[in-house]
C-alpha atoms as a PDB file:
ATOM      1  CA  MET A   1     -19.990-241.339  10.022  1.00  0.00           C
ATOM      2  CA  GLU A   2     -22.279-243.373   7.801  1.00  0.00           C
ATOM      3  CA  LEU A   3     -22.893-243.476   4.016  1.00  0.00           C
ATOM      4  CA  GLN A   4     -25.310-245.518   2.049  1.00  0.00           C
ATOM      5  CA  GLY A   5     -24.693-246.640  -1.528  1.00  0.00           C
ATOM      6  CA  LYS A   6     -24.062-249.478  -3.960  1.00  0.00           C
ATOM      7  CA  ILE A   7     -20.770-251.487  -4.094  1.00  0.00           C
ATOM      8  CA  ILE A   8     -19.475-250.994  -7.644  1.00  0.00           C
ATOM      9  CA  ALA A   9     -16.007-252.509  -7.254  1.00  0.00           C
ATOM     10  CA  VAL A  10     -14.202-255.004  -5.002  1.00  0.00           C
ATOM     11  CA  LEU A  11     -10.411-254.567  -5.105  1.00  0.00           C
ATOM     12  CA  PRO A  12      -8.020-257.505  -4.504  1.00  0.00           C
ATOM     13  CA  GLU A  13      -7.411-258.562  -0.839  1.00  0.00           C
ATOM     14  CA  ARG A  14      -3.966-257.710   0.591  1.00  0.00           C
ATOM     15  CA  SER A  15      -2.300-259.639   3.433  1.00  0.00           C
ATOM     16  CA  GLY A  16       0.905-259.680   5.362  1.00  0.00           C
ATOM     17  CA  VAL A  17       2.607-260.435   8.590  1.00  0.00           C
ATOM     18  CA  SER A  18       3.450-257.821  11.196  1.00  0.00           C
ATOM     19  CA  ALA A  19       4.821-257.943  14.819  1.00  0.00           C
ATOM     20  CA  ARG A  20       1.209-258.575  15.957  1.00  0.00           C
ATOM     21  CA  GLY A  21       0.594-261.413  13.488  1.00  0.00           C
ATOM     22  CA  GLU A  22      -1.077-261.925  10.203  1.00  0.00           C
ATOM     23  CA  TRP A  23      -3.300-259.220   8.779  1.00  0.00           C
ATOM     24  CA  LYS A  24      -5.770-258.889   5.883  1.00  0.00           C
ATOM     25  CA  VAL A  25      -7.296-255.740   4.305  1.00  0.00           C
ATOM     26  CA  GLN A  26      -9.526-255.232   1.278  1.00  0.00           C
ATOM     27  CA  GLU A  27     -10.840-252.126  -0.407  1.00  0.00           C
ATOM     28  CA  PHE A  28     -14.283-251.530  -1.811  1.00  0.00           C
ATOM     29  CA  VAL A  29     -15.728-248.709  -3.945  1.00  0.00           C
ATOM     30  CA  LEU A  30     -19.150-247.414  -2.954  1.00  0.00           C
ATOM     31  CA  GLU A  31     -21.269-245.131  -5.147  1.00  0.00           C
ATOM     32  CA  THR A  32     -24.003-243.046  -3.539  1.00  0.00           C
ATOM     33  CA  ILE A  33     -27.496-243.641  -4.838  1.00  0.00           C
ATOM     34  CA  ASP A  34     -29.590-241.058  -3.125  1.00  0.00           C
ATOM     35  CA  SER A  35     -28.629-237.907  -4.906  1.00  0.00           C
ATOM     36  CA  GLN A  36     -28.754-236.325  -8.298  1.00  0.00           C
ATOM     37  CA  TYR A  37     -24.956-236.412  -8.611  1.00  0.00           C
ATOM     38  CA  PRO A  38     -23.684-239.795  -7.349  1.00  0.00           C
ATOM     39  CA  ARG A  39     -20.291-239.713  -5.561  1.00  0.00           C
ATOM     40  CA  LYS A  40     -17.779-242.526  -5.119  1.00  0.00           C
ATOM     41  CA  MET A  41     -15.833-243.446  -1.985  1.00  0.00           C
ATOM     42  CA  VAL A  42     -13.089-246.097  -1.545  1.00  0.00           C
ATOM     43  CA  PHE A  43     -13.099-247.603   1.915  1.00  0.00           C
ATOM     44  CA  ASP A  44     -11.239-250.528   3.402  1.00  0.00           C
ATOM     45  CA  VAL A  45     -12.162-253.280   5.773  1.00  0.00           C
ATOM     46  CA  PHE A  46      -9.294-254.492   8.043  1.00  0.00           C
ATOM     47  CA  GLY A  47      -9.280-257.970   9.490  1.00  0.00           C
ATOM     48  CA  ALA A  48     -10.160-261.397   8.192  1.00  0.00           C
ATOM     49  CA  ASP A  49     -13.029-261.768  10.698  1.00  0.00           C
ATOM     50  CA  ARG A  50     -14.693-258.543   9.460  1.00  0.00           C
ATOM     51  CA  LEU A  51     -14.133-259.391   5.858  1.00  0.00           C
ATOM     52  CA  GLN A  52     -15.866-262.770   6.432  1.00  0.00           C
ATOM     53  CA  ARG A  53     -18.674-261.287   8.536  1.00  0.00           C
ATOM     54  CA  PHE A  54     -19.546-258.417   6.176  1.00  0.00           C
ATOM     55  CA  ASN A  55     -19.197-260.537   3.031  1.00  0.00           C
ATOM     56  CA  ILE A  56     -19.352-257.538   0.692  1.00  0.00           C
ATOM     57  CA  GLN A  57     -20.245-258.269  -2.923  1.00  0.00           C
ATOM     58  CA  ILE A  58     -20.476-256.127  -6.119  1.00  0.00           C
ATOM     59  CA  GLY A  59     -23.979-254.837  -6.615  1.00  0.00           C
ATOM     60  CA  GLN A  60     -25.062-254.893  -2.949  1.00  0.00           C
ATOM     61  CA  THR A  61     -26.697-251.769  -1.440  1.00  0.00           C
ATOM     62  CA  VAL A  62     -25.083-251.221   1.888  1.00  0.00           C
ATOM     63  CA  LEU A  63     -24.881-248.799   4.799  1.00  0.00           C
ATOM     64  CA  VAL A  64     -21.186-248.281   5.753  1.00  0.00           C
ATOM     65  CA  ALA A  65     -20.214-246.899   9.143  1.00  0.00           C
ATOM     66  CA  PHE A  66     -16.636-245.642   8.962  1.00  0.00           C
ATOM     67  CA  ASP A  67     -13.848-243.570  10.558  1.00  0.00           C
ATOM     68  CA  ILE A  68     -11.770-241.089   8.614  1.00  0.00           C
ATOM     69  CA  ASP A  69      -8.080-240.489   9.436  1.00  0.00           C
ATOM     70  CA  ALA A  70      -5.051-238.966   7.601  1.00  0.00           C
ATOM     71  CA  ARG A  71      -1.414-239.814   7.822  1.00  0.00           C
ATOM     72  CA  GLU A  72       1.738-238.203   6.408  1.00  0.00           C
ATOM     73  CA  TYR A  73       4.326-240.043   4.373  1.00  0.00           C
ATOM     74  CA  ASN A  74       7.369-238.308   2.788  1.00  0.00           C
ATOM     75  CA  GLY A  75       5.781-234.902   3.186  1.00  0.00           C
ATOM     76  CA  ARG A  76       2.472-235.858   1.571  1.00  0.00           C
ATOM     77  CA  TRP A  77      -0.822-236.595   3.313  1.00  0.00           C
ATOM     78  CA  PHE A  78      -3.192-239.479   2.598  1.00  0.00           C
ATOM     79  CA  ASN A  79      -6.730-240.078   3.774  1.00  0.00           C
ATOM     80  CA  SER A  80      -7.784-243.417   5.220  1.00  0.00           C
ATOM     81  CA  ILE A  81     -11.471-244.430   5.331  1.00  0.00           C
ATOM     82  CA  ARG A  82     -11.841-247.590   7.425  1.00  0.00           C
ATOM     83  CA  ALA A  83     -15.165-249.240   7.776  1.00  0.00           C
ATOM     84  CA  PHE A  84     -16.081-250.704  11.250  1.00  0.00           C
ATOM     85  CA  ASP A  85     -19.592-251.854  10.288  1.00  0.00           C
ATOM     86  CA  VAL A  86     -21.204-252.684   6.945  1.00  0.00           C
ATOM     87  CA  ARG A  87     -24.928-253.547   6.823  1.00  0.00           C
ATOM     88  CA  GLN A  88     -26.707-254.870   3.733  1.00  0.00           C
ATOM     89  CA  ILE A  89     -29.781-252.826   2.851  1.00  0.00           C
ATOM     90  CA  ASP A  90     -32.889-254.234   1.212  1.00  0.00           C
ATOM     91  CA  ALA A  91     -33.002-252.761  -2.279  1.00  0.00           C
ATOM     92  CA  THR A  92     -36.788-252.429  -2.122  1.00  0.00           C
ATOM     93  CA  GLN A  93     -36.587-250.041   0.848  1.00  0.00           C
ATOM     94  CA  SER A  94     -36.391-246.269   0.300  1.00  0.00           C
ATOM     95  CA  PRO A  95     -32.983-244.801   1.215  1.00  0.00           C
ATOM     96  CA  SER A  96     -34.408-242.927   4.105  1.00  0.00           C
ATOM     97  CA  ALA A  97     -36.296-245.881   5.572  1.00  0.00           C
ATOM     98  CA  ALA A  98     -33.094-248.008   5.554  1.00  0.00           C
ATOM     99  CA  VAL A  99     -31.214-245.858   8.081  1.00  0.00           C
ATOM    100  CA  ASP A 100     -32.004-246.620  11.722  1.00  0.00           C
ATOM    101  CA  ALA A 101     -31.418-243.050  12.823  1.00  0.00           C
ATOM    102  CA  PRO A 102     -34.307-241.228  14.448  1.00  0.00           C
ATOM    103  CA  GLN A 103     -36.280-238.988  12.241  1.00  0.00           C
ATOM    104  CA  PRO A 104     -36.352-235.269  12.958  1.00  0.00           C
ATOM    105  CA  VAL A 105     -39.361-233.969  14.795  1.00  0.00           C
ATOM    106  CA  PRO A 106     -41.050-230.966  13.148  1.00  0.00           C
ATOM    107  CA  MET A 107     -40.755-227.729  15.094  1.00  0.00           C
ATOM    108  CA  SER A 108     -44.068-226.624  16.608  1.00  0.00           C
ATOM    109  CA  ALA A 109     -45.204-223.153  17.503  1.00  0.00           C
ATOM    110  CA  PRO A 110     -43.208-221.613  20.468  1.00  0.00           C
ATOM    111  CA  ASN A 111     -44.923-222.321  23.815  1.00  0.00           C
ATOM    112  CA  ALA A 112     -46.001-219.556  26.182  1.00  0.00           C
ATOM    113  CA  ALA A 113     -42.958-220.045  28.355  1.00  0.00           C
ATOM    114  CA  VAL A 114     -40.645-218.862  25.600  1.00  0.00           C
ATOM    115  CA  SER A 115     -39.869-215.170  25.604  1.00  0.00           C
ATOM    116  CA  ASP A 116     -41.169-212.891  22.840  1.00  0.00           C
ATOM    117  CA  ALA A 117     -37.637-212.222  21.625  1.00  0.00           C
ATOM    118  CA  THR A 118     -36.995-215.939  21.169  1.00  0.00           C
ATOM    119  CA  ALA A 119     -40.350-216.422  19.507  1.00  0.00           C
ATOM    120  CA  GLU A 120     -39.655-213.540  17.090  1.00  0.00           C
ATOM    121  CA  SER A 121     -36.195-214.885  16.159  1.00  0.00           C
ATOM    122  CA  VAL A 122     -37.761-218.320  15.451  1.00  0.00           C
ATOM    123  CA  ASP A 123     -40.493-216.696  13.298  1.00  0.00           C
ATOM    124  CA  ASP A 124     -38.009-214.563  11.468  1.00  0.00           C
ATOM    125  CA  ASN A 125     -36.182-217.658  10.288  1.00  0.00           C
ATOM    126  CA  SER A 126     -39.187-219.741   9.404  1.00  0.00           C
ATOM    127  CA  ASP A 127     -38.247-219.648   5.705  1.00  0.00           C
ATOM    128  CA  SER A 128     -35.166-221.684   6.336  1.00  0.00           C
ATOM    129  CA  PRO A 129     -35.616-225.435   5.556  1.00  0.00           C
ATOM    130  CA  ASP A 130     -34.699-226.650   8.965  1.00  0.00           C
ATOM    131  CA  ASN A 131     -36.310-223.887  11.060  1.00  0.00           C
ATOM    132  CA  LEU A 132     -33.186-223.273  13.074  1.00  0.00           C
ATOM    133  CA  PRO A 133     -32.660-219.783  14.338  1.00  0.00           C
ATOM    134  CA  PHE A 134     -29.071-219.600  13.055  1.00  0.00           C
END
């Protein structure tokens, strides 16, 4: 999953030693900027190499690619949002231009090969914003 926003807080780095060796993790708070009602998300970056490579600072506009997982501890469940890629976005770009995802192609009129029933179902739903028949 990906989410774009502005870094509003950088929490203290934590580190330790496990059976696999030393580890470092740091949490960041991202606030979405492309909606009427901004949302906040806390995510973490695990590994000294990633922390150094991403070099996340307060005030940066970033695109965060992350995985979500949950774990149970003492009968309670906790979410974990771990970033695996953080890319800095140019603040002068519009939010939609910053994402490298392909843009949707507008639906054209049904071709002659499409059956009349399919064409009618597409036409019946033409008032939906995405023009999908369901």
